[in-house]
Amino acid sequence: MRDYTIQIREIYKSHLDLKQNHIMTVLTVVTTIFMPLTLIVGWYGMNFRYMPELETRWGYPVVIVVSVVIVLGSLLFFKKKKWL
């Protein structure tokens, strides 16, 4: 009976470990996707006076498009590698 309970406990622990590994993988992928966007937000949050794209008409739309392309490219990459 004791061996049986030890085996059940080990099976349960391995199941929890697999579940935790999956959760950590998802969190790592989400962090990797949003890390470049955080860098872009950090640059624009510094309030530089002489950033050329701040005064052009297409500055912000280009940054928005680049951000969307980064997210979509990251998602496609992770889907292709089957990490997401």
N, C-alpha and C. Protein backbone atom coordinates (compact mmCIF):
# COMPACT_ATOMS: atom_id res chain seq x y z
N MET A 1 0.82 -1.19 0.00
CA MET A 1 0.00 0.00 0.00
C MET A 1 0.88 1.27 0.00
N ARG A 2 1.96 1.21 0.77
CA ARG A 2 2.85 2.37 0.84
C ARG A 2 3.50 2.64 -0.52
N ASP A 3 3.96 1.62 -1.21
CA ASP A 3 4.55 1.78 -2.53
C ASP A 3 3.54 2.37 -3.52
N TYR A 4 2.33 1.94 -3.40
CA TYR A 4 1.28 2.44 -4.30
C TYR A 4 1.05 3.94 -4.09
N THR A 5 0.99 4.38 -2.83
CA THR A 5 0.79 5.82 -2.57
C THR A 5 2.00 6.63 -3.02
N ILE A 6 3.19 6.09 -2.88
CA ILE A 6 4.39 6.80 -3.34
C ILE A 6 4.36 6.93 -4.86
N GLN A 7 3.94 5.90 -5.56
CA GLN A 7 3.84 5.96 -7.02
C GLN A 7 2.79 6.98 -7.45
N ILE A 8 1.66 6.99 -6.77
CA ILE A 8 0.61 7.97 -7.11
C ILE A 8 1.10 9.38 -6.87
N ARG A 9 1.81 9.60 -5.77
CA ARG A 9 2.35 10.93 -5.48
C ARG A 9 3.37 11.35 -6.54
N GLU A 10 4.22 10.45 -6.97
CA GLU A 10 5.21 10.76 -8.01
C GLU A 10 4.53 11.06 -9.35
N ILE A 11 3.50 10.33 -9.68
CA ILE A 11 2.76 10.59 -10.93
C ILE A 11 2.10 11.96 -10.86
N TYR A 12 1.51 12.28 -9.74
CA TYR A 12 0.86 13.58 -9.57
C TYR A 12 1.89 14.70 -9.66
N LYS A 13 3.05 14.51 -9.03
CA LYS A 13 4.11 15.52 -9.08
C LYS A 13 4.62 15.72 -10.51
N SER A 14 4.79 14.64 -11.26
CA SER A 14 5.25 14.78 -12.64
C SER A 14 4.20 15.48 -13.50
N HIS A 15 2.93 15.22 -13.22
CA HIS A 15 1.86 15.91 -13.96
C HIS A 15 1.89 17.41 -13.67
N LEU A 16 2.08 17.78 -12.40
CA LEU A 16 2.18 19.19 -12.05
C LEU A 16 3.41 19.84 -12.68
N ASP A 17 4.52 19.12 -12.75
CA ASP A 17 5.73 19.65 -13.38
C ASP A 17 5.52 19.90 -14.87
N LEU A 18 4.84 18.99 -15.55
CA LEU A 18 4.54 19.20 -16.97
C LEU A 18 3.64 20.40 -17.18
N LYS A 19 2.66 20.54 -16.32
CA LYS A 19 1.75 21.68 -16.42
C LYS A 19 2.49 23.00 -16.19
N GLN A 20 3.37 23.01 -15.19
CA GLN A 20 4.15 24.21 -14.90
C GLN A 20 5.11 24.53 -16.05
N ASN A 21 5.72 23.52 -16.67
CA ASN A 21 6.60 23.76 -17.81
C ASN A 21 5.84 24.38 -18.97
N HIS A 22 4.62 23.93 -19.20
CA HIS A 22 3.81 24.52 -20.28
C HIS A 22 3.48 25.97 -19.98
N ILE A 23 3.12 26.26 -18.74
CA ILE A 23 2.80 27.64 -18.35
C ILE A 23 4.03 28.53 -18.51
N MET A 24 5.20 28.05 -18.10
CA MET A 24 6.42 28.84 -18.24
C MET A 24 6.78 29.07 -19.70
N THR A 25 6.53 28.09 -20.54
CA THR A 25 6.78 28.26 -21.98
C THR A 25 5.90 29.35 -22.56
N VAL A 26 4.63 29.34 -22.21
CA VAL A 26 3.70 30.36 -22.71
C VAL A 26 4.12 31.74 -22.21
N LEU A 27 4.47 31.86 -20.94
CA LEU A 27 4.89 33.15 -20.41
C LEU A 27 6.18 33.65 -21.07
N THR A 28 7.09 32.75 -21.37
CA THR A 28 8.34 33.14 -22.04
C THR A 28 8.06 33.63 -23.46
N VAL A 29 7.17 32.96 -24.16
CA VAL A 29 6.83 33.38 -25.52
C VAL A 29 6.15 34.74 -25.50
N VAL A 30 5.22 34.96 -24.59
CA VAL A 30 4.53 36.25 -24.50
C VAL A 30 5.53 37.36 -24.16
N THR A 31 6.44 37.09 -23.25
CA THR A 31 7.47 38.08 -22.91
C THR A 31 8.35 38.39 -24.11
N THR A 32 8.72 37.39 -24.86
CA THR A 32 9.57 37.59 -26.03
C THR A 32 8.85 38.38 -27.11
N ILE A 33 7.56 38.18 -27.25
CA ILE A 33 6.80 38.93 -28.25
C ILE A 33 6.72 40.41 -27.89
N PHE A 34 6.49 40.72 -26.62
CA PHE A 34 6.28 42.11 -26.23
C PHE A 34 7.55 42.85 -25.82
N MET A 35 8.68 42.17 -25.75
CA MET A 35 9.93 42.84 -25.38
C MET A 35 10.35 43.93 -26.39
N PRO A 36 10.31 43.68 -27.71
CA PRO A 36 10.67 44.76 -28.64
C PRO A 36 9.72 45.95 -28.56
N LEU A 37 8.44 45.68 -28.29
CA LEU A 37 7.49 46.79 -28.16
C LEU A 37 7.80 47.62 -26.92
N THR A 38 8.25 46.98 -25.87
CA THR A 38 8.64 47.71 -24.66
C THR A 38 9.84 48.61 -24.93
N LEU A 39 10.75 48.14 -25.75
CA LEU A 39 11.91 48.95 -26.13
C LEU A 39 11.47 50.18 -26.92
N ILE A 40 10.56 49.99 -27.86
CA ILE A 40 10.07 51.12 -28.66
C ILE A 40 9.35 52.13 -27.76
N VAL A 41 8.53 51.66 -26.85
CA VAL A 41 7.82 52.56 -25.93
C VAL A 41 8.82 53.30 -25.04
N GLY A 42 9.88 52.61 -24.64
CA GLY A 42 10.90 53.27 -23.83
C GLY A 42 11.59 54.39 -24.57
N TRP A 43 11.89 54.17 -25.84
CA TRP A 43 12.52 55.24 -26.63
C TRP A 43 11.60 56.44 -26.77
N TYR A 44 10.34 56.21 -27.07
CA TYR A 44 9.42 57.32 -27.27
C TYR A 44 8.99 57.95 -25.95
N GLY A 45 9.18 57.27 -24.85
CA GLY A 45 8.83 57.84 -23.56
C GLY A 45 9.89 58.74 -22.99
N MET A 46 11.05 58.82 -23.63
CA MET A 46 12.15 59.64 -23.13
C MET A 46 11.99 61.12 -23.48
N ASN A 47 11.04 61.46 -24.33
CA ASN A 47 10.76 62.85 -24.71
C ASN A 47 11.98 63.57 -25.26
N PHE A 48 12.64 62.94 -26.22
CA PHE A 48 13.74 63.61 -26.90
C PHE A 48 13.20 64.76 -27.73
N ARG A 49 13.99 65.79 -27.85
CA ARG A 49 13.55 66.95 -28.61
C ARG A 49 13.84 66.78 -30.10
N TYR A 50 14.90 66.09 -30.46
CA TYR A 50 15.35 66.04 -31.85
C TYR A 50 15.16 64.68 -32.50
N MET A 51 14.07 64.04 -32.23
CA MET A 51 13.77 62.78 -32.92
C MET A 51 13.07 63.14 -34.23
N PRO A 52 13.67 62.82 -35.37
CA PRO A 52 13.10 63.28 -36.64
C PRO A 52 11.70 62.74 -36.91
N GLU A 53 11.40 61.55 -36.46
CA GLU A 53 10.08 61.00 -36.77
C GLU A 53 8.96 61.64 -35.96
N LEU A 54 9.31 62.43 -34.95
CA LEU A 54 8.26 63.09 -34.17
C LEU A 54 7.63 64.24 -34.94
N GLU A 55 8.38 64.83 -35.84
CA GLU A 55 7.86 65.99 -36.57
C GLU A 55 7.37 65.67 -37.97
N THR A 56 7.60 64.44 -38.43
CA THR A 56 7.10 64.09 -39.75
C THR A 56 5.64 63.66 -39.66
N ARG A 57 4.97 63.75 -40.77
CA ARG A 57 3.55 63.42 -40.82
C ARG A 57 3.31 61.93 -40.61
N TRP A 58 4.21 61.10 -41.11
CA TRP A 58 4.02 59.66 -41.06
C TRP A 58 4.82 58.99 -39.95
N GLY A 59 5.35 59.75 -39.02
CA GLY A 59 6.19 59.19 -37.96
C GLY A 59 5.47 58.18 -37.09
N TYR A 60 4.37 58.58 -36.50
CA TYR A 60 3.65 57.67 -35.61
C TYR A 60 2.98 56.52 -36.35
N PRO A 61 2.35 56.75 -37.51
CA PRO A 61 1.79 55.59 -38.22
C PRO A 61 2.86 54.55 -38.60
N VAL A 62 4.05 55.01 -38.95
CA VAL A 62 5.12 54.06 -39.28
C VAL A 62 5.52 53.26 -38.05
N VAL A 63 5.61 53.91 -36.90
CA VAL A 63 5.96 53.19 -35.66
C VAL A 63 4.87 52.20 -35.31
N ILE A 64 3.61 52.56 -35.51
CA ILE A 64 2.50 51.64 -35.24
C ILE A 64 2.58 50.43 -36.17
N VAL A 65 2.83 50.68 -37.45
CA VAL A 65 2.93 49.58 -38.41
C VAL A 65 4.12 48.69 -38.08
N VAL A 66 5.24 49.27 -37.73
CA VAL A 66 6.42 48.48 -37.35
C VAL A 66 6.12 47.63 -36.12
N SER A 67 5.42 48.19 -35.16
CA SER A 67 5.06 47.43 -33.96
C SER A 67 4.16 46.25 -34.29
N VAL A 68 3.18 46.47 -35.14
CA VAL A 68 2.27 45.39 -35.54
C VAL A 68 3.03 44.32 -36.31
N VAL A 69 3.94 44.73 -37.18
CA VAL A 69 4.74 43.76 -37.95
C VAL A 69 5.62 42.93 -37.01
N ILE A 70 6.18 43.57 -35.99
CA ILE A 70 7.01 42.84 -35.03
C ILE A 70 6.18 41.79 -34.30
N VAL A 71 4.98 42.17 -33.85
CA VAL A 71 4.13 41.21 -33.12
C VAL A 71 3.70 40.07 -34.04
N LEU A 72 3.25 40.40 -35.25
CA LEU A 72 2.82 39.36 -36.18
C LEU A 72 3.98 38.45 -36.59
N GLY A 73 5.13 39.05 -36.83
CA GLY A 73 6.30 38.24 -37.18
C GLY A 73 6.71 37.31 -36.05
N SER A 74 6.66 37.81 -34.83
CA SER A 74 6.98 36.95 -33.68
C SER A 74 5.98 35.83 -33.53
N LEU A 75 4.68 36.15 -33.68
CA LEU A 75 3.66 35.12 -33.58
C LEU A 75 3.83 34.05 -34.66
N LEU A 76 4.10 34.48 -35.89
CA LEU A 76 4.31 33.50 -36.96
C LEU A 76 5.54 32.64 -36.71
N PHE A 77 6.60 33.26 -36.22
CA PHE A 77 7.81 32.50 -35.91
C PHE A 77 7.55 31.43 -34.85
N PHE A 78 6.85 31.83 -33.79
CA PHE A 78 6.58 30.87 -32.72
C PHE A 78 5.58 29.81 -33.13
N LYS A 79 4.63 30.16 -33.98
CA LYS A 79 3.70 29.14 -34.50
C LYS A 79 4.44 28.14 -35.38
N LYS A 80 5.38 28.65 -36.21
CA LYS A 80 6.14 27.78 -37.09
C LYS A 80 7.02 26.81 -36.30
N LYS A 81 7.60 27.30 -35.22
CA LYS A 81 8.44 26.45 -34.36
C LYS A 81 7.61 25.60 -33.41
N LYS A 82 6.30 25.81 -33.40
CA LYS A 82 5.34 25.10 -32.52
C LYS A 82 5.66 25.32 -31.05
N TRP A 83 6.03 26.56 -30.71
CA TRP A 83 6.27 26.92 -29.33
C TRP A 83 5.07 27.61 -28.73
N LEU A 84 4.08 27.93 -29.55
CA LEU A 84 2.90 28.64 -29.06
C LEU A 84 1.66 27.83 -29.32
